[in-house]
Amino acid sequence: AQYAEIKFDKIKQQKWSKYILVINGRTIQLYIDGILVSAEFLPSLPVIYDINSEIVLGQKNNNFLGKVRNVVMVPFPVSYNDISLV
């Protein structure tokens, strides 16, 4: 298997933002507050075995200083119109 690393380092600190990550086939898109900020083509088709498994942010043993709330994972791709309504 090939694993892609998606990096986005322009996150505004001290601000609540809404992040939406859409995986549709081999395309992955990151929306922040309803605006597309990054799109990548993955080297292989991602497989999500268990939508109830934990979500990992950052690197192992690296501190995450922040809060995450209202995390939702849906097992189907959403459209831009769906994102603009959230």
PDB file of N, CA and C in Angstrom:
ATOM      1  N   ALA A   1       0.839  -1.189   0.000  1.00  0.00           N
ATOM      2  CA  ALA A   1       0.000   0.000   0.000  1.00  0.00           C
ATOM      3  C   ALA A   1       0.875   1.241   0.000  1.00  0.00           C
ATOM      4  N   GLN A   2       0.386   2.277  -0.625  1.00  0.00           N
ATOM      5  CA  GLN A   2       1.063   3.561  -0.617  1.00  0.00           C
ATOM      6  C   GLN A   2       0.272   4.509   0.273  1.00  0.00           C
ATOM      7  N   TYR A   3       0.981   5.298   1.055  1.00  0.00           N
ATOM      8  CA  TYR A   3       0.321   6.236   1.947  1.00  0.00           C
ATOM      9  C   TYR A   3       0.711   7.650   1.563  1.00  0.00           C
ATOM     10  N   ALA A   4      -0.254   8.494   1.446  1.00  0.00           N
ATOM     11  CA  ALA A   4       0.000   9.903   1.123  1.00  0.00           C
ATOM     12  C   ALA A   4      -0.022  10.710   2.399  1.00  0.00           C
ATOM     13  N   GLU A   5       0.822  11.715   2.455  1.00  0.00           N
ATOM     14  CA  GLU A   5       0.820  12.628   3.583  1.00  0.00           C
ATOM     15  C   GLU A   5       0.306  13.966   3.080  1.00  0.00           C
ATOM     16  N   ILE A   6      -0.812  14.386   3.612  1.00  0.00           N
ATOM     17  CA  ILE A   6      -1.413  15.649   3.221  1.00  0.00           C
ATOM     18  C   ILE A   6      -1.031  16.692   4.268  1.00  0.00           C
ATOM     19  N   LYS A   7      -0.326  17.727   3.841  1.00  0.00           N
ATOM     20  CA  LYS A   7       0.104  18.763   4.781  1.00  0.00           C
ATOM     21  C   LYS A   7      -0.585  20.080   4.440  1.00  0.00           C
ATOM     22  N   PHE A   8      -1.024  20.756   5.463  1.00  0.00           N
ATOM     23  CA  PHE A   8      -1.560  22.106   5.320  1.00  0.00           C
ATOM     24  C   PHE A   8      -1.113  22.867   6.549  1.00  0.00           C
ATOM     25  N   ASP A   9      -0.195  23.792   6.392  1.00  0.00           N
ATOM     26  CA  ASP A   9       0.392  24.466   7.554  1.00  0.00           C
ATOM     27  C   ASP A   9      -0.012  25.930   7.705  1.00  0.00           C
ATOM     28  N   LYS A  10      -1.072  26.322   7.024  1.00  0.00           N
ATOM     29  CA  LYS A  10      -1.529  27.714   7.104  1.00  0.00           C
ATOM     30  C   LYS A  10      -2.756  27.840   8.005  1.00  0.00           C
ATOM     31  N   ILE A  11      -2.775  27.075   9.083  1.00  0.00           N
ATOM     32  CA  ILE A  11      -3.915  27.094   9.999  1.00  0.00           C
ATOM     33  C   ILE A  11      -3.805  28.318  10.918  1.00  0.00           C
ATOM     34  N   LYS A  12      -4.869  29.074  10.992  1.00  0.00           N
ATOM     35  CA  LYS A  12      -4.883  30.269  11.829  1.00  0.00           C
ATOM     36  C   LYS A  12      -5.021  29.859  13.292  1.00  0.00           C
ATOM     37  N   GLN A  13      -4.147  30.377  14.114  1.00  0.00           N
ATOM     38  CA  GLN A  13      -4.198  30.071  15.534  1.00  0.00           C
ATOM     39  C   GLN A  13      -5.161  31.000  16.249  1.00  0.00           C
ATOM     40  N   GLN A  14      -5.648  30.528  17.394  1.00  0.00           N
ATOM     41  CA  GLN A  14      -6.549  31.313  18.242  1.00  0.00           C
ATOM     42  C   GLN A  14      -7.843  31.683  17.512  1.00  0.00           C
ATOM     43  N   LYS A  15      -8.325  30.788  16.638  1.00  0.00           N
ATOM     44  CA  LYS A  15      -9.542  31.048  15.890  1.00  0.00           C
ATOM     45  C   LYS A  15     -10.298  29.755  15.680  1.00  0.00           C
ATOM     46  N   TRP A  16     -11.597  29.764  15.946  1.00  0.00           N
ATOM     47  CA  TRP A  16     -12.433  28.614  15.640  1.00  0.00           C
ATOM     48  C   TRP A  16     -12.671  28.585  14.142  1.00  0.00           C
ATOM     49  N   SER A  17     -12.460  27.445  13.548  1.00  0.00           N
ATOM     50  CA  SER A  17     -12.705  27.276  12.123  1.00  0.00           C
ATOM     51  C   SER A  17     -13.394  25.948  11.891  1.00  0.00           C
ATOM     52  N   LYS A  18     -14.060  25.847  10.761  1.00  0.00           N
ATOM     53  CA  LYS A  18     -14.738  24.609  10.388  1.00  0.00           C
ATOM     54  C   LYS A  18     -13.924  23.940   9.291  1.00  0.00           C
ATOM     55  N   TYR A  19     -13.415  22.749   9.563  1.00  0.00           N
ATOM     56  CA  TYR A  19     -12.596  22.004   8.619  1.00  0.00           C
ATOM     57  C   TYR A  19     -13.407  20.839   8.072  1.00  0.00           C
ATOM     58  N   ILE A  20     -13.432  20.712   6.763  1.00  0.00           N
ATOM     59  CA  ILE A  20     -14.127  19.600   6.125  1.00  0.00           C
ATOM     60  C   ILE A  20     -13.142  18.940   5.167  1.00  0.00           C
ATOM     61  N   LEU A  21     -12.939  17.648   5.346  1.00  0.00           N
ATOM     62  CA  LEU A  21     -12.051  16.873   4.496  1.00  0.00           C
ATOM     63  C   LEU A  21     -12.909  15.924   3.682  1.00  0.00           C
ATOM     64  N   VAL A  22     -12.831  16.036   2.363  1.00  0.00           N
ATOM     65  CA  VAL A  22     -13.648  15.212   1.471  1.00  0.00           C
ATOM     66  C   VAL A  22     -12.722  14.278   0.702  1.00  0.00           C
ATOM     67  N   ILE A  23     -12.985  12.984   0.790  1.00  0.00           N
ATOM     68  CA  ILE A  23     -12.256  11.998   0.006  1.00  0.00           C
ATOM     69  C   ILE A  23     -13.246  11.413  -0.975  1.00  0.00           C
ATOM     70  N   ASN A  24     -12.969  11.600  -2.264  1.00  0.00           N
ATOM     71  CA  ASN A  24     -13.850  11.104  -3.315  1.00  0.00           C
ATOM     72  C   ASN A  24     -12.970  10.352  -4.312  1.00  0.00           C
ATOM     73  N   GLY A  25     -13.007   9.021  -4.242  1.00  0.00           N
ATOM     74  CA  GLY A  25     -12.112   8.227  -5.065  1.00  0.00           C
ATOM     75  C   GLY A  25     -10.678   8.462  -4.637  1.00  0.00           C
ATOM     76  N   ARG A  26      -9.843   8.939  -5.556  1.00  0.00           N
ATOM     77  CA  ARG A  26      -8.443   9.215  -5.246  1.00  0.00           C
ATOM     78  C   ARG A  26      -8.173  10.701  -5.050  1.00  0.00           C
ATOM     79  N   THR A  27      -9.224  11.497  -4.970  1.00  0.00           N
ATOM     80  CA  THR A  27      -9.078  12.935  -4.757  1.00  0.00           C
ATOM     81  C   THR A  27      -9.419  13.272  -3.314  1.00  0.00           C
ATOM     82  N   ILE A  28      -8.587  14.098  -2.692  1.00  0.00           N
ATOM     83  CA  ILE A  28      -8.857  14.540  -1.328  1.00  0.00           C
ATOM     84  C   ILE A  28      -8.859  16.069  -1.339  1.00  0.00           C
ATOM     85  N   GLN A  29      -9.871  16.657  -0.713  1.00  0.00           N
ATOM     86  CA  GLN A  29     -10.024  18.111  -0.694  1.00  0.00           C
ATOM     87  C   GLN A  29     -10.195  18.577   0.743  1.00  0.00           C
ATOM     88  N   LEU A  30      -9.550  19.692   1.073  1.00  0.00           N
ATOM     89  CA  LEU A  30      -9.684  20.295   2.393  1.00  0.00           C
ATOM     90  C   LEU A  30     -10.391  21.632   2.245  1.00  0.00           C
ATOM     91  N   TYR A  31     -11.495  21.779   2.946  1.00  0.00           N
ATOM     92  CA  TYR A  31     -12.245  23.033   2.986  1.00  0.00           C
ATOM     93  C   TYR A  31     -12.100  23.622   4.381  1.00  0.00           C
ATOM     94  N   ILE A  32     -11.845  24.919   4.457  1.00  0.00           N
ATOM     95  CA  ILE A  32     -11.828  25.619   5.734  1.00  0.00           C
ATOM     96  C   ILE A  32     -12.870  26.725   5.648  1.00  0.00           C
ATOM     97  N   ASP A  33     -13.819  26.668   6.548  1.00  0.00           N
ATOM     98  CA  ASP A  33     -14.929  27.630   6.571  1.00  0.00           C
ATOM     99  C   ASP A  33     -15.610  27.740   5.216  1.00  0.00           C
ATOM    100  N   GLY A  34     -15.784  26.587   4.546  1.00  0.00           N
ATOM    101  CA  GLY A  34     -16.516  26.525   3.284  1.00  0.00           C
ATOM    102  C   GLY A  34     -15.709  26.881   2.049  1.00  0.00           C
ATOM    103  N   ILE A  35     -14.407  27.174   2.210  1.00  0.00           N
ATOM    104  CA  ILE A  35     -13.560  27.551   1.073  1.00  0.00           C
ATOM    105  C   ILE A  35     -12.548  26.441   0.826  1.00  0.00           C
ATOM    106  N   LEU A  36     -12.439  25.998  -0.431  1.00  0.00           N
ATOM    107  CA  LEU A  36     -11.467  24.977  -0.801  1.00  0.00           C
ATOM    108  C   LEU A  36     -10.064  25.562  -0.689  1.00  0.00           C
ATOM    109  N   VAL A  37      -9.229  24.980   0.174  1.00  0.00           N
ATOM    110  CA  VAL A  37      -7.877  25.510   0.373  1.00  0.00           C
ATOM    111  C   VAL A  37      -6.797  24.553  -0.117  1.00  0.00           C
ATOM    112  N   SER A  38      -7.135  23.288  -0.321  1.00  0.00           N
ATOM    113  CA  SER A  38      -6.146  22.330  -0.793  1.00  0.00           C
ATOM    114  C   SER A  38      -6.851  21.149  -1.449  1.00  0.00           C
ATOM    115  N   ALA A  39      -6.246  20.656  -2.530  1.00  0.00           N
ATOM    116  CA  ALA A  39      -6.764  19.471  -3.204  1.00  0.00           C
ATOM    117  C   ALA A  39      -5.566  18.656  -3.677  1.00  0.00           C
ATOM    118  N   GLU A  40      -5.616  17.348  -3.459  1.00  0.00           N
ATOM    119  CA  GLU A  40      -4.518  16.461  -3.839  1.00  0.00           C
ATOM    120  C   GLU A  40      -5.091  15.227  -4.526  1.00  0.00           C
ATOM    121  N   PHE A  41      -4.266  14.617  -5.353  1.00  0.00           N
ATOM    122  CA  PHE A  41      -4.606  13.354  -5.986  1.00  0.00           C
ATOM    123  C   PHE A  41      -3.809  12.277  -5.263  1.00  0.00           C
ATOM    124  N   LEU A  42      -4.481  11.291  -4.694  1.00  0.00           N
ATOM    125  CA  LEU A  42      -3.829  10.257  -3.904  1.00  0.00           C
ATOM    126  C   LEU A  42      -3.196   9.195  -4.798  1.00  0.00           C
ATOM    127  N   PRO A  43      -2.069   8.610  -4.360  1.00  0.00           N
ATOM    128  CA  PRO A  43      -1.404   7.595  -5.169  1.00  0.00           C
ATOM    129  C   PRO A  43      -2.179   6.283  -5.273  1.00  0.00           C
ATOM    130  N   SER A  44      -3.064   6.042  -4.327  1.00  0.00           N
ATOM    131  CA  SER A  44      -3.878   4.829  -4.380  1.00  0.00           C
ATOM    132  C   SER A  44      -5.242   5.126  -3.770  1.00  0.00           C
ATOM    133  N   LEU A  45      -6.185   4.267  -4.032  1.00  0.00           N
ATOM    134  CA  LEU A  45      -7.539   4.433  -3.514  1.00  0.00           C
ATOM    135  C   LEU A  45      -7.546   4.193  -2.009  1.00  0.00           C
ATOM    136  N   PRO A  46      -8.000   5.158  -1.200  1.00  0.00           N
ATOM    137  CA  PRO A  46      -8.018   4.945   0.253  1.00  0.00           C
ATOM    138  C   PRO A  46      -9.101   3.949   0.643  1.00  0.00           C
ATOM    139  N   VAL A  47      -8.802   3.176   1.674  1.00  0.00           N
ATOM    140  CA  VAL A  47      -9.753   2.206   2.196  1.00  0.00           C
ATOM    141  C   VAL A  47      -9.995   2.545   3.667  1.00  0.00           C
ATOM    142  N   ILE A  48     -11.234   2.765   3.999  1.00  0.00           N
ATOM    143  CA  ILE A  48     -11.602   3.042   5.387  1.00  0.00           C
ATOM    144  C   ILE A  48     -12.334   1.818   5.889  1.00  0.00           C
ATOM    145  N   TYR A  49     -11.675   1.077   6.762  1.00  0.00           N
ATOM    146  CA  TYR A  49     -12.230  -0.186   7.230  1.00  0.00           C
ATOM    147  C   TYR A  49     -13.308  -0.006   8.286  1.00  0.00           C
ATOM    148  N   ASP A  50     -13.133   0.984   9.143  1.00  0.00           N
ATOM    149  CA  ASP A  50     -14.030   1.135  10.280  1.00  0.00           C
ATOM    150  C   ASP A  50     -14.277   2.623  10.523  1.00  0.00           C
ATOM    151  N   ILE A  51     -15.472   3.105  10.208  1.00  0.00           N
ATOM    152  CA  ILE A  51     -15.745   4.532  10.398  1.00  0.00           C
ATOM    153  C   ILE A  51     -15.895   4.893  11.876  1.00  0.00           C
ATOM    154  N   ASN A  52     -15.870   3.904  12.764  1.00  0.00           N
ATOM    155  CA  ASN A  52     -15.937   4.176  14.199  1.00  0.00           C
ATOM    156  C   ASN A  52     -14.563   4.194  14.848  1.00  0.00           C
ATOM    157  N   SER A  53     -13.491   4.002  14.069  1.00  0.00           N
ATOM    158  CA  SER A  53     -12.150   4.008  14.648  1.00  0.00           C
ATOM    159  C   SER A  53     -11.745   5.441  14.987  1.00  0.00           C
ATOM    160  N   GLU A  54     -10.697   5.569  15.789  1.00  0.00           N
ATOM    161  CA  GLU A  54     -10.321   6.900  16.238  1.00  0.00           C
ATOM    162  C   GLU A  54      -9.640   7.699  15.130  1.00  0.00           C
ATOM    163  N   ILE A  55      -9.764   9.007  15.223  1.00  0.00           N
ATOM    164  CA  ILE A  55      -9.163   9.926  14.271  1.00  0.00           C
ATOM    165  C   ILE A  55      -7.904  10.479  14.913  1.00  0.00           C
ATOM    166  N   VAL A  56      -6.815  10.475  14.173  1.00  0.00           N
ATOM    167  CA  VAL A  56      -5.530  10.925  14.701  1.00  0.00           C
ATOM    168  C   VAL A  56      -5.159  12.254  14.063  1.00  0.00           C
ATOM    169  N   LEU A  57      -4.789  13.224  14.892  1.00  0.00           N
ATOM    170  CA  LEU A  57      -4.323  14.523  14.411  1.00  0.00           C
ATOM    171  C   LEU A  57      -2.847  14.671  14.757  1.00  0.00           C
ATOM    172  N   GLY A  58      -2.064  15.127  13.830  1.00  0.00           N
ATOM    173  CA  GLY A  58      -0.650  15.350  14.098  1.00  0.00           C
ATOM    174  C   GLY A  58       0.147  14.059  14.091  1.00  0.00           C
ATOM    175  N   GLN A  59       1.316  14.117  14.712  1.00  0.00           N
ATOM    176  CA  GLN A  59       2.219  12.974  14.760  1.00  0.00           C
ATOM    177  C   GLN A  59       2.155  12.298  16.120  1.00  0.00           C
ATOM    178  N   LYS A  60       2.521  11.027  16.157  1.00  0.00           N
ATOM    179  CA  LYS A  60       2.549  10.278  17.408  1.00  0.00           C
ATOM    180  C   LYS A  60       3.551  10.921  18.361  1.00  0.00           C
ATOM    181  N   ASN A  61       3.162  11.047  19.626  1.00  0.00           N
ATOM    182  CA  ASN A  61       3.983  11.634  20.699  1.00  0.00           C
ATOM    183  C   ASN A  61       4.324  13.104  20.461  1.00  0.00           C
ATOM    184  N   ASN A  62       3.541  13.779  19.649  1.00  0.00           N
ATOM    185  CA  ASN A  62       3.714  15.211  19.434  1.00  0.00           C
ATOM    186  C   ASN A  62       2.481  15.889  20.010  1.00  0.00           C
ATOM    187  N   ASN A  63       2.680  16.899  20.805  1.00  0.00           N
ATOM    188  CA  ASN A  63       1.557  17.539  21.489  1.00  0.00           C
ATOM    189  C   ASN A  63       0.659  18.283  20.513  1.00  0.00           C
ATOM    190  N   PHE A  64      -0.630  18.120  20.720  1.00  0.00           N
ATOM    191  CA  PHE A  64      -1.630  18.895  19.991  1.00  0.00           C
ATOM    192  C   PHE A  64      -2.221  19.861  21.003  1.00  0.00           C
ATOM    193  N   LEU A  65      -2.006  21.139  20.804  1.00  0.00           N
ATOM    194  CA  LEU A  65      -2.499  22.144  21.729  1.00  0.00           C
ATOM    195  C   LEU A  65      -3.713  22.822  21.112  1.00  0.00           C
ATOM    196  N   GLY A  66      -4.863  22.274  21.394  1.00  0.00           N
ATOM    197  CA  GLY A  66      -6.075  22.826  20.832  1.00  0.00           C
ATOM    198  C   GLY A  66      -7.264  21.976  21.196  1.00  0.00           C
ATOM    199  N   LYS A  67      -8.399  22.329  20.680  1.00  0.00           N
ATOM    200  CA  LYS A  67      -9.624  21.590  20.947  1.00  0.00           C
ATOM    201  C   LYS A  67     -10.274  21.195  19.639  1.00  0.00           C
ATOM    202  N   VAL A  68     -10.836  20.017  19.616  1.00  0.00           N
ATOM    203  CA  VAL A  68     -11.578  19.544  18.461  1.00  0.00           C
ATOM    204  C   VAL A  68     -12.952  19.134  18.970  1.00  0.00           C
ATOM    205  N   ARG A  69     -13.976  19.576  18.310  1.00  0.00           N
ATOM    206  CA  ARG A  69     -15.315  19.168  18.725  1.00  0.00           C
ATOM    207  C   ARG A  69     -16.184  18.965  17.494  1.00  0.00           C
ATOM    208  N   ASN A  70     -17.259  18.263  17.700  1.00  0.00           N
ATOM    209  CA  ASN A  70     -18.235  18.006  16.638  1.00  0.00           C
ATOM    210  C   ASN A  70     -17.615  17.333  15.419  1.00  0.00           C
ATOM    211  N   VAL A  71     -16.825  16.294  15.649  1.00  0.00           N
ATOM    212  CA  VAL A  71     -16.231  15.547  14.545  1.00  0.00           C
ATOM    213  C   VAL A  71     -17.260  14.550  14.034  1.00  0.00           C
ATOM    214  N   VAL A  72     -17.485  14.578  12.723  1.00  0.00           N
ATOM    215  CA  VAL A  72     -18.455  13.689  12.094  1.00  0.00           C
ATOM    216  C   VAL A  72     -17.789  13.083  10.869  1.00  0.00           C
ATOM    217  N   MET A  73     -17.973  11.790  10.678  1.00  0.00           N
ATOM    218  CA  MET A  73     -17.480  11.139   9.475  1.00  0.00           C
ATOM    219  C   MET A  73     -18.656  10.494   8.775  1.00  0.00           C
ATOM    220  N   VAL A  74     -18.819  10.820   7.503  1.00  0.00           N
ATOM    221  CA  VAL A  74     -19.901  10.226   6.723  1.00  0.00           C
ATOM    222  C   VAL A  74     -19.284   9.313   5.667  1.00  0.00           C
ATOM    223  N   PRO A  75     -19.855   8.146   5.445  1.00  0.00           N
ATOM    224  CA  PRO A  75     -19.240   7.176   4.543  1.00  0.00           C
ATOM    225  C   PRO A  75     -19.593   7.378   3.061  1.00  0.00           C
ATOM    226  N   PHE A  76     -19.794   8.612   2.663  1.00  0.00           N
ATOM    227  CA  PHE A  76     -20.084   8.918   1.268  1.00  0.00           C
ATOM    228  C   PHE A  76     -19.550  10.317   0.969  1.00  0.00           C
ATOM    229  N   PRO A  77     -19.162  10.587  -0.280  1.00  0.00           N
ATOM    230  CA  PRO A  77     -18.657  11.914  -0.612  1.00  0.00           C
ATOM    231  C   PRO A  77     -19.778  12.951  -0.598  1.00  0.00           C
ATOM    232  N   VAL A  78     -19.406  14.169  -0.244  1.00  0.00           N
ATOM    233  CA  VAL A  78     -20.373  15.266  -0.236  1.00  0.00           C
ATOM    234  C   VAL A  78     -19.994  16.254  -1.328  1.00  0.00           C
ATOM    235  N   SER A  79     -20.961  16.998  -1.777  1.00  0.00           N
ATOM    236  CA  SER A  79     -20.730  17.983  -2.835  1.00  0.00           C
ATOM    237  C   SER A  79     -20.416  19.351  -2.220  1.00  0.00           C
ATOM    238  N   TYR A  80     -19.995  20.269  -3.068  1.00  0.00           N
ATOM    239  CA  TYR A  80     -19.730  21.622  -2.593  1.00  0.00           C
ATOM    240  C   TYR A  80     -20.992  22.250  -2.003  1.00  0.00           C
ATOM    241  N   ASN A  81     -22.145  21.977  -2.592  1.00  0.00           N
ATOM    242  CA  ASN A  81     -23.404  22.518  -2.065  1.00  0.00           C
ATOM    243  C   ASN A  81     -23.658  21.990  -0.660  1.00  0.00           C
ATOM    244  N   ASP A  82     -23.337  20.709  -0.406  1.00  0.00           N
ATOM    245  CA  ASP A  82     -23.486  20.147   0.942  1.00  0.00           C
ATOM    246  C   ASP A  82     -22.568  20.875   1.924  1.00  0.00           C
ATOM    247  N   ILE A  83     -21.357  21.153   1.500  1.00  0.00           N
ATOM    248  CA  ILE A  83     -20.378  21.814   2.370  1.00  0.00           C
ATOM    249  C   ILE A  83     -20.815  23.230   2.695  1.00  0.00           C
ATOM    250  N   SER A  84     -21.333  23.937   1.722  1.00  0.00           N
ATOM    251  CA  SER A  84     -21.742  25.327   1.968  1.00  0.00           C
ATOM    252  C   SER A  84     -22.935  25.411   2.930  1.00  0.00           C
ATOM    253  N   LEU A  85     -23.685  24.322   3.087  1.00  0.00           N
ATOM    254  CA  LEU A  85     -24.808  24.311   4.013  1.00  0.00           C
ATOM    255  C   LEU A  85     -24.388  24.002   5.442  1.00  0.00           C
ATOM    256  N   VAL A  86     -23.208  23.412   5.621  1.00  0.00           N
ATOM    257  CA  VAL A  86     -22.759  22.991   6.955  1.00  0.00           C
ATOM    258  C   VAL A  86     -22.237  24.164   7.729  1.00  0.00           C
TER     259      VAL A  86
END
